[in-house]
N, C-alpha and C. Protein backbone atom coordinates (compact mmCIF):
# COMPACT_ATOMS: atom_id res chain seq x y z
N MET A 1 -3.32 1.56 34.45
CA MET A 1 -2.60 2.20 33.37
C MET A 1 -3.54 2.35 32.18
N ALA A 2 -3.60 3.52 31.59
CA ALA A 2 -4.45 3.78 30.46
C ALA A 2 -3.68 3.62 29.16
N LEU A 3 -4.34 3.01 28.16
CA LEU A 3 -3.71 2.86 26.87
C LEU A 3 -4.28 3.90 25.92
N GLU A 4 -3.43 4.46 25.09
CA GLU A 4 -3.85 5.48 24.13
C GLU A 4 -3.34 5.11 22.79
N ARG A 5 -4.16 5.33 21.76
CA ARG A 5 -3.76 5.06 20.38
C ARG A 5 -2.63 6.01 19.98
N TRP A 6 -1.58 5.50 19.30
CA TRP A 6 -0.49 6.33 18.83
C TRP A 6 -0.95 7.20 17.70
N ARG A 7 -0.57 8.45 17.70
CA ARG A 7 -0.88 9.42 16.66
C ARG A 7 0.42 10.02 16.20
N PRO A 8 0.67 10.05 14.88
CA PRO A 8 1.94 10.52 14.36
C PRO A 8 2.33 11.92 14.85
N ARG A 9 1.40 12.85 14.89
CA ARG A 9 1.72 14.21 15.28
C ARG A 9 1.75 14.36 16.81
N ALA A 10 0.81 13.78 17.47
CA ALA A 10 0.68 14.04 18.88
C ALA A 10 1.52 13.08 19.75
N GLY A 11 1.82 11.86 19.17
CA GLY A 11 2.55 10.89 19.96
C GLY A 11 1.72 10.42 21.14
N LEU A 12 2.38 9.93 22.18
CA LEU A 12 1.67 9.44 23.31
C LEU A 12 1.65 10.41 24.48
N ALA A 13 2.42 11.48 24.37
CA ALA A 13 2.50 12.44 25.47
C ALA A 13 1.20 13.20 25.61
N ARG A 14 0.75 13.36 26.81
CA ARG A 14 -0.45 14.13 27.09
C ARG A 14 -0.08 15.33 27.91
N LYS A 15 -0.60 16.49 27.50
CA LYS A 15 -0.36 17.73 28.23
C LYS A 15 -1.31 17.80 29.44
N SER A 16 -2.52 17.45 29.22
CA SER A 16 -3.52 17.44 30.32
C SER A 16 -4.57 16.40 30.00
N SER A 17 -5.50 16.27 30.85
CA SER A 17 -6.51 15.24 30.64
C SER A 17 -7.45 15.58 29.47
N TRP A 18 -7.57 16.86 29.12
CA TRP A 18 -8.41 17.25 28.01
C TRP A 18 -7.72 18.37 27.27
N ASP A 19 -7.45 18.12 25.97
CA ASP A 19 -6.68 19.06 25.14
C ASP A 19 -7.55 19.41 23.92
N LEU A 20 -8.16 20.62 23.93
CA LEU A 20 -9.11 21.00 22.90
C LEU A 20 -8.50 20.92 21.50
N PRO A 21 -7.31 21.45 21.20
CA PRO A 21 -6.81 21.34 19.82
C PRO A 21 -6.62 19.90 19.39
N ARG A 22 -6.12 19.06 20.26
CA ARG A 22 -5.91 17.65 19.87
C ARG A 22 -7.25 16.96 19.69
N GLU A 23 -8.19 17.19 20.58
CA GLU A 23 -9.49 16.57 20.47
C GLU A 23 -10.19 17.00 19.20
N THR A 24 -10.05 18.29 18.83
CA THR A 24 -10.67 18.81 17.59
C THR A 24 -10.01 18.15 16.36
N ASP A 25 -8.68 18.05 16.38
CA ASP A 25 -7.97 17.39 15.28
C ASP A 25 -8.42 15.94 15.12
N ASP A 26 -8.55 15.22 16.27
CA ASP A 26 -9.00 13.85 16.21
C ASP A 26 -10.40 13.72 15.63
N LEU A 27 -11.28 14.64 16.03
CA LEU A 27 -12.64 14.61 15.51
C LEU A 27 -12.66 14.78 14.01
N PHE A 28 -11.96 15.80 13.51
CA PHE A 28 -11.89 16.06 12.07
C PHE A 28 -11.19 14.93 11.32
N ASN A 29 -10.11 14.39 11.87
CA ASN A 29 -9.43 13.28 11.21
C ASN A 29 -10.27 12.04 11.11
N ARG A 30 -11.08 11.75 12.14
CA ARG A 30 -11.97 10.62 12.09
C ARG A 30 -13.11 10.80 11.07
N PHE A 31 -13.58 12.02 10.97
CA PHE A 31 -14.68 12.29 10.05
C PHE A 31 -14.23 12.48 8.61
N PHE A 32 -13.16 13.24 8.41
CA PHE A 32 -12.71 13.57 7.04
C PHE A 32 -11.49 12.79 6.62
N GLY A 33 -11.00 11.86 7.42
CA GLY A 33 -9.72 11.18 7.20
C GLY A 33 -9.47 10.67 5.80
N ASP A 34 -10.43 10.01 5.16
CA ASP A 34 -10.19 9.45 3.83
C ASP A 34 -10.82 10.24 2.70
N TRP A 35 -11.34 11.43 3.01
CA TRP A 35 -11.88 12.27 1.93
C TRP A 35 -10.75 12.93 1.16
N PRO A 36 -10.99 13.24 -0.12
CA PRO A 36 -9.93 13.91 -0.84
C PRO A 36 -9.57 15.27 -0.28
N SER A 37 -8.27 15.54 -0.31
CA SER A 37 -7.81 16.84 0.14
C SER A 37 -8.17 17.90 -0.87
N SER A 38 -8.63 19.06 -0.42
CA SER A 38 -9.04 20.12 -1.33
C SER A 38 -7.87 20.70 -2.13
N TRP A 39 -6.62 20.49 -1.63
CA TRP A 39 -5.49 21.07 -2.36
C TRP A 39 -4.92 20.07 -3.36
N THR A 40 -4.84 18.80 -3.06
CA THR A 40 -4.18 17.86 -3.92
C THR A 40 -5.14 16.94 -4.66
N GLY A 41 -6.36 16.76 -4.13
CA GLY A 41 -7.32 15.82 -4.71
C GLY A 41 -7.01 14.36 -4.36
N GLU A 42 -6.02 14.14 -3.51
CA GLU A 42 -5.64 12.78 -3.13
C GLU A 42 -6.27 12.42 -1.80
N THR A 43 -6.51 11.15 -1.62
CA THR A 43 -7.03 10.70 -0.33
C THR A 43 -5.84 10.39 0.57
N ARG A 44 -6.11 10.38 1.89
CA ARG A 44 -5.05 10.09 2.83
C ARG A 44 -5.21 8.67 3.37
N GLY A 45 -5.89 7.81 2.66
CA GLY A 45 -6.11 6.46 3.12
C GLY A 45 -4.86 5.61 3.01
N TRP A 46 -4.97 4.33 3.35
CA TRP A 46 -3.87 3.39 3.39
C TRP A 46 -3.52 2.92 2.00
N SER A 47 -2.26 2.73 1.73
CA SER A 47 -1.80 2.04 0.52
C SER A 47 -0.56 1.26 0.90
N PRO A 48 -0.37 0.11 0.28
CA PRO A 48 0.72 -0.80 0.70
C PRO A 48 2.09 -0.21 0.26
N ALA A 49 3.07 -0.44 1.13
CA ALA A 49 4.46 -0.12 0.78
C ALA A 49 4.92 -1.16 -0.24
N VAL A 50 5.71 -0.73 -1.25
CA VAL A 50 6.14 -1.64 -2.29
C VAL A 50 7.67 -1.58 -2.40
N ASP A 51 8.27 -2.77 -2.36
CA ASP A 51 9.73 -2.86 -2.62
C ASP A 51 9.92 -3.18 -4.09
N MET A 52 10.90 -2.51 -4.73
CA MET A 52 11.20 -2.77 -6.15
C MET A 52 12.68 -3.21 -6.27
N VAL A 53 12.87 -4.38 -6.83
CA VAL A 53 14.21 -4.92 -6.99
C VAL A 53 14.51 -5.04 -8.49
N ASP A 54 15.61 -4.42 -8.90
CA ASP A 54 16.03 -4.47 -10.31
C ASP A 54 17.04 -5.57 -10.45
N ARG A 55 16.61 -6.67 -11.10
CA ARG A 55 17.54 -7.80 -11.37
C ARG A 55 18.03 -7.69 -12.79
N ASN A 56 18.91 -8.57 -13.20
CA ASN A 56 19.48 -8.52 -14.54
C ASN A 56 18.41 -8.68 -15.64
N ASP A 57 17.47 -9.60 -15.44
CA ASP A 57 16.54 -9.91 -16.50
C ASP A 57 15.10 -9.47 -16.20
N GLU A 58 14.84 -8.98 -15.00
CA GLU A 58 13.49 -8.61 -14.59
C GLU A 58 13.50 -7.60 -13.45
N ILE A 59 12.32 -7.00 -13.28
CA ILE A 59 12.09 -6.09 -12.10
C ILE A 59 11.06 -6.86 -11.24
N VAL A 60 11.32 -6.95 -9.95
CA VAL A 60 10.41 -7.64 -9.05
C VAL A 60 9.86 -6.64 -8.05
N LEU A 61 8.51 -6.60 -7.96
CA LEU A 61 7.82 -5.72 -7.03
C LEU A 61 7.23 -6.60 -5.93
N ARG A 62 7.43 -6.21 -4.69
CA ARG A 62 6.86 -6.96 -3.56
C ARG A 62 6.05 -5.99 -2.70
N ALA A 63 4.82 -6.38 -2.40
CA ALA A 63 3.96 -5.56 -1.53
C ALA A 63 3.40 -6.43 -0.43
N ASP A 64 3.53 -5.95 0.82
CA ASP A 64 2.95 -6.66 1.95
C ASP A 64 1.51 -6.20 2.09
N ILE A 65 0.59 -7.17 1.88
CA ILE A 65 -0.83 -6.86 1.98
C ILE A 65 -1.48 -7.93 2.89
N PRO A 66 -1.25 -7.85 4.20
CA PRO A 66 -1.76 -8.86 5.08
C PRO A 66 -3.28 -8.79 5.22
N GLY A 67 -3.83 -9.96 5.50
CA GLY A 67 -5.28 -10.01 5.77
C GLY A 67 -6.16 -10.10 4.52
N LEU A 68 -5.57 -10.14 3.36
CA LEU A 68 -6.35 -10.22 2.13
C LEU A 68 -6.17 -11.59 1.47
N GLU A 69 -7.06 -11.87 0.54
CA GLU A 69 -6.98 -13.07 -0.26
C GLU A 69 -6.73 -12.67 -1.72
N GLN A 70 -6.34 -13.62 -2.51
CA GLN A 70 -6.05 -13.40 -3.93
C GLN A 70 -7.21 -12.71 -4.64
N LYS A 71 -8.43 -13.08 -4.36
CA LYS A 71 -9.60 -12.51 -5.01
C LYS A 71 -9.81 -11.03 -4.71
N ASP A 72 -9.19 -10.54 -3.62
CA ASP A 72 -9.35 -9.15 -3.21
C ASP A 72 -8.38 -8.21 -3.90
N ILE A 73 -7.46 -8.74 -4.71
CA ILE A 73 -6.40 -7.90 -5.29
C ILE A 73 -6.48 -7.91 -6.80
N GLN A 74 -6.20 -6.76 -7.38
CA GLN A 74 -6.21 -6.59 -8.84
C GLN A 74 -4.87 -5.95 -9.24
N VAL A 75 -4.22 -6.48 -10.28
CA VAL A 75 -3.00 -5.88 -10.82
C VAL A 75 -3.29 -5.58 -12.30
N THR A 76 -3.07 -4.30 -12.68
CA THR A 76 -3.29 -3.90 -14.09
C THR A 76 -2.11 -3.12 -14.58
N VAL A 77 -1.94 -3.12 -15.93
CA VAL A 77 -0.90 -2.33 -16.56
C VAL A 77 -1.57 -1.55 -17.68
N GLU A 78 -1.38 -0.21 -17.66
CA GLU A 78 -1.99 0.63 -18.68
C GLU A 78 -1.08 1.85 -18.88
N ASN A 79 -0.72 2.10 -20.12
CA ASN A 79 0.11 3.26 -20.49
C ASN A 79 1.39 3.36 -19.65
N GLY A 80 2.04 2.24 -19.43
CA GLY A 80 3.31 2.22 -18.68
C GLY A 80 3.17 2.37 -17.20
N VAL A 81 1.96 2.24 -16.67
CA VAL A 81 1.73 2.33 -15.20
C VAL A 81 1.20 1.01 -14.71
N LEU A 82 1.88 0.42 -13.73
CA LEU A 82 1.41 -0.82 -13.12
C LEU A 82 0.64 -0.39 -11.85
N THR A 83 -0.60 -0.84 -11.73
CA THR A 83 -1.44 -0.42 -10.61
C THR A 83 -1.89 -1.64 -9.81
N ILE A 84 -1.74 -1.52 -8.48
CA ILE A 84 -2.22 -2.55 -7.57
C ILE A 84 -3.42 -1.97 -6.87
N ARG A 85 -4.56 -2.69 -6.94
CA ARG A 85 -5.82 -2.24 -6.27
C ARG A 85 -6.32 -3.36 -5.41
N GLY A 86 -7.06 -2.96 -4.38
CA GLY A 86 -7.62 -4.00 -3.54
C GLY A 86 -8.62 -3.41 -2.55
N GLN A 87 -9.23 -4.31 -1.84
CA GLN A 87 -10.20 -3.88 -0.84
C GLN A 87 -9.95 -4.68 0.42
N ARG A 88 -9.87 -3.92 1.55
CA ARG A 88 -9.68 -4.52 2.86
C ARG A 88 -10.97 -4.40 3.62
N GLN A 89 -11.35 -5.46 4.29
CA GLN A 89 -12.52 -5.45 5.17
C GLN A 89 -12.18 -6.16 6.45
N SER A 90 -12.73 -5.66 7.52
CA SER A 90 -12.46 -6.28 8.81
C SER A 90 -13.70 -6.15 9.69
N GLU A 91 -13.92 -7.18 10.48
CA GLU A 91 -15.06 -7.15 11.40
C GLU A 91 -14.57 -7.84 12.67
N HIS A 92 -14.82 -7.21 13.80
CA HIS A 92 -14.42 -7.77 15.09
C HIS A 92 -15.60 -7.66 16.04
N GLU A 93 -15.90 -8.73 16.70
CA GLU A 93 -17.01 -8.73 17.66
C GLU A 93 -16.53 -9.44 18.92
N ALA A 94 -16.75 -8.79 20.07
CA ALA A 94 -16.38 -9.41 21.34
C ALA A 94 -17.55 -9.26 22.31
N LYS A 95 -17.97 -10.36 22.88
CA LYS A 95 -19.06 -10.37 23.84
C LYS A 95 -18.53 -10.93 25.16
N GLU A 96 -18.71 -10.16 26.20
CA GLU A 96 -18.36 -10.61 27.55
C GLU A 96 -19.53 -10.36 28.45
N GLU A 97 -19.40 -10.78 29.67
CA GLU A 97 -20.51 -10.61 30.59
C GLU A 97 -20.88 -9.16 30.82
N ASP A 98 -19.85 -8.26 30.86
CA ASP A 98 -20.17 -6.88 31.22
C ASP A 98 -19.97 -5.90 30.04
N TYR A 99 -19.67 -6.39 28.85
CA TYR A 99 -19.55 -5.44 27.71
C TYR A 99 -19.75 -6.20 26.38
N TYR A 100 -20.01 -5.35 25.37
CA TYR A 100 -20.17 -5.83 23.99
C TYR A 100 -19.43 -4.82 23.09
N CYS A 101 -18.62 -5.36 22.22
CA CYS A 101 -17.83 -4.48 21.29
C CYS A 101 -17.97 -5.07 19.88
N CYS A 102 -18.33 -4.25 18.92
CA CYS A 102 -18.46 -4.66 17.56
C CYS A 102 -17.86 -3.58 16.67
N GLU A 103 -16.81 -3.91 15.89
CA GLU A 103 -16.18 -2.94 15.01
C GLU A 103 -16.14 -3.50 13.59
N ARG A 104 -16.43 -2.61 12.65
CA ARG A 104 -16.37 -2.97 11.23
C ARG A 104 -15.52 -1.93 10.51
N TRP A 105 -14.74 -2.34 9.55
CA TRP A 105 -13.91 -1.45 8.78
C TRP A 105 -13.87 -1.95 7.38
N SER A 106 -13.96 -1.05 6.43
CA SER A 106 -13.86 -1.39 5.02
C SER A 106 -13.24 -0.26 4.26
N GLY A 107 -12.41 -0.58 3.30
CA GLY A 107 -11.78 0.49 2.51
C GLY A 107 -11.03 -0.09 1.33
N THR A 108 -10.88 0.73 0.32
CA THR A 108 -10.13 0.31 -0.88
C THR A 108 -8.78 1.02 -0.89
N PHE A 109 -7.85 0.45 -1.61
CA PHE A 109 -6.55 1.11 -1.78
C PHE A 109 -6.12 0.94 -3.23
N SER A 110 -5.21 1.78 -3.65
CA SER A 110 -4.69 1.76 -5.00
C SER A 110 -3.29 2.32 -4.96
N ARG A 111 -2.37 1.66 -5.64
CA ARG A 111 -1.00 2.11 -5.67
C ARG A 111 -0.49 1.97 -7.11
N GLY A 112 -0.08 3.06 -7.76
CA GLY A 112 0.40 3.01 -9.13
C GLY A 112 1.85 3.34 -9.21
N MET A 113 2.58 2.63 -10.08
CA MET A 113 4.01 2.80 -10.26
C MET A 113 4.35 2.89 -11.75
N MET A 114 5.08 3.89 -12.14
CA MET A 114 5.58 3.99 -13.51
C MET A 114 6.57 2.89 -13.77
N LEU A 115 6.39 2.18 -14.86
CA LEU A 115 7.36 1.16 -15.27
C LEU A 115 8.44 1.82 -16.14
N PRO A 116 9.68 1.39 -15.97
CA PRO A 116 10.73 1.99 -16.78
C PRO A 116 10.61 1.54 -18.24
N PRO A 117 11.19 2.26 -19.17
CA PRO A 117 11.16 1.81 -20.56
C PRO A 117 11.94 0.55 -20.72
N GLY A 118 11.54 -0.28 -21.68
CA GLY A 118 12.25 -1.52 -21.95
C GLY A 118 11.77 -2.73 -21.22
N VAL A 119 10.55 -2.66 -20.65
CA VAL A 119 9.98 -3.83 -20.03
C VAL A 119 8.92 -4.44 -20.96
N ASP A 120 8.59 -5.70 -20.79
CA ASP A 120 7.63 -6.40 -21.62
C ASP A 120 6.34 -6.56 -20.85
N PRO A 121 5.35 -5.63 -21.01
CA PRO A 121 4.12 -5.71 -20.22
C PRO A 121 3.25 -6.95 -20.51
N ASP A 122 3.45 -7.58 -21.65
CA ASP A 122 2.64 -8.76 -21.97
C ASP A 122 3.05 -9.99 -21.20
N LYS A 123 4.23 -9.97 -20.61
CA LYS A 123 4.76 -11.16 -19.87
C LYS A 123 4.80 -10.96 -18.36
N ILE A 124 4.11 -9.96 -17.87
CA ILE A 124 4.10 -9.71 -16.40
C ILE A 124 3.33 -10.82 -15.71
N LYS A 125 3.88 -11.31 -14.61
CA LYS A 125 3.20 -12.35 -13.82
C LYS A 125 3.15 -11.90 -12.35
N ALA A 126 2.04 -12.22 -11.71
CA ALA A 126 1.85 -11.87 -10.30
C ALA A 126 1.44 -13.07 -9.49
N THR A 127 2.01 -13.19 -8.28
CA THR A 127 1.65 -14.25 -7.37
C THR A 127 1.34 -13.64 -6.00
N PHE A 128 0.47 -14.33 -5.24
CA PHE A 128 0.11 -13.86 -3.89
C PHE A 128 0.16 -15.05 -2.95
N LYS A 129 1.03 -14.90 -1.94
CA LYS A 129 1.18 -16.00 -0.99
C LYS A 129 1.49 -15.45 0.38
N ASN A 130 0.77 -15.89 1.42
CA ASN A 130 0.98 -15.52 2.80
C ASN A 130 1.00 -13.98 2.98
N GLY A 131 0.10 -13.28 2.31
CA GLY A 131 -0.01 -11.85 2.47
C GLY A 131 1.00 -11.03 1.71
N VAL A 132 1.80 -11.64 0.84
CA VAL A 132 2.79 -10.91 0.05
C VAL A 132 2.48 -11.06 -1.42
N LEU A 133 2.27 -9.91 -2.09
CA LEU A 133 2.07 -9.89 -3.53
C LEU A 133 3.43 -9.70 -4.16
N GLU A 134 3.74 -10.56 -5.15
CA GLU A 134 4.99 -10.44 -5.89
C GLU A 134 4.70 -10.37 -7.37
N VAL A 135 5.19 -9.30 -8.01
CA VAL A 135 4.94 -9.07 -9.42
C VAL A 135 6.28 -9.10 -10.14
N HIS A 136 6.40 -9.97 -11.15
CA HIS A 136 7.60 -10.11 -11.95
C HIS A 136 7.40 -9.41 -13.28
N VAL A 137 8.21 -8.41 -13.52
CA VAL A 137 8.14 -7.64 -14.79
C VAL A 137 9.40 -7.93 -15.61
N PRO A 138 9.31 -8.78 -16.62
CA PRO A 138 10.51 -9.11 -17.37
C PRO A 138 10.96 -7.94 -18.25
N LYS A 139 12.27 -7.84 -18.43
CA LYS A 139 12.81 -6.82 -19.30
C LYS A 139 12.84 -7.37 -20.74
N SER A 140 12.68 -6.49 -21.69
CA SER A 140 12.76 -6.90 -23.12
C SER A 140 14.20 -7.14 -23.47
N LYS A 141 14.44 -7.77 -24.59
CA LYS A 141 15.82 -8.05 -25.04
C LYS A 141 16.60 -6.78 -25.24
N GLN A 142 15.98 -5.70 -25.71
CA GLN A 142 16.70 -4.47 -25.91
C GLN A 142 17.15 -3.84 -24.59
N ALA A 143 16.30 -4.00 -23.57
CA ALA A 143 16.64 -3.44 -22.27
C ALA A 143 17.78 -4.17 -21.56
N LEU A 144 17.89 -5.48 -21.90
CA LEU A 144 18.95 -6.30 -21.24
C LEU A 144 20.33 -5.83 -21.70
N GLY A 145 20.41 -5.32 -22.93
CA GLY A 145 21.71 -4.88 -23.44
C GLY A 145 22.58 -6.07 -23.82
N ARG A 146 23.78 -5.78 -24.16
CA ARG A 146 24.73 -6.86 -24.50
C ARG A 146 26.10 -6.42 -24.10
N LYS A 147 26.94 -7.43 -23.91
CA LYS A 147 28.34 -7.12 -23.51
C LYS A 147 29.16 -6.98 -24.79
N ILE A 148 29.95 -5.93 -24.85
CA ILE A 148 30.81 -5.70 -26.02
C ILE A 148 32.26 -6.00 -25.61
N GLU A 149 32.87 -6.86 -26.36
CA GLU A 149 34.23 -7.24 -26.08
C GLU A 149 35.18 -6.15 -26.55
N VAL A 150 36.09 -5.76 -25.69
CA VAL A 150 37.09 -4.73 -26.02
C VAL A 150 38.33 -5.46 -26.55
N GLN A 151 38.76 -5.04 -27.75
CA GLN A 151 39.91 -5.71 -28.39
C GLN A 151 41.11 -4.77 -28.35
N ALA A 152 42.27 -5.34 -28.27
CA ALA A 152 43.49 -4.53 -28.31
C ALA A 152 43.73 -4.02 -29.72
N ALA A 153 44.18 -2.79 -29.82
CA ALA A 153 44.42 -2.21 -31.15
C ALA A 153 45.82 -2.42 -31.62
């Protein structure tokens, strides 16, 4: 049984043993995959998915970033944008009697999110544990609002 890497567009189905359009796409994707697109200027590289939870007194952001350490991650706030940056590196080497395989991979990622008005950027705290980055963004007193009692007239 042959194993094939999953591709979002092509899937695992094979039309024939050799498919020129697919092979050409693979070649260009491997070579130009992380280069900026000429239309958008954005790269197509990896960036972590981020969950955002709006609680009463704070906003909590969680990002799964497995395989990294605290020193590999940077969290910044500038002009109302919270940015998570990091660098992933991987190296794998396997030696057996009849083969040798060595793979290296390195790349940076960046993910920026607009913060809503009414947060206090000076009190933001971030923690990283077991591959999960958690950023707590407290709301300012004005953003919390207040409850107004309704009186009978």
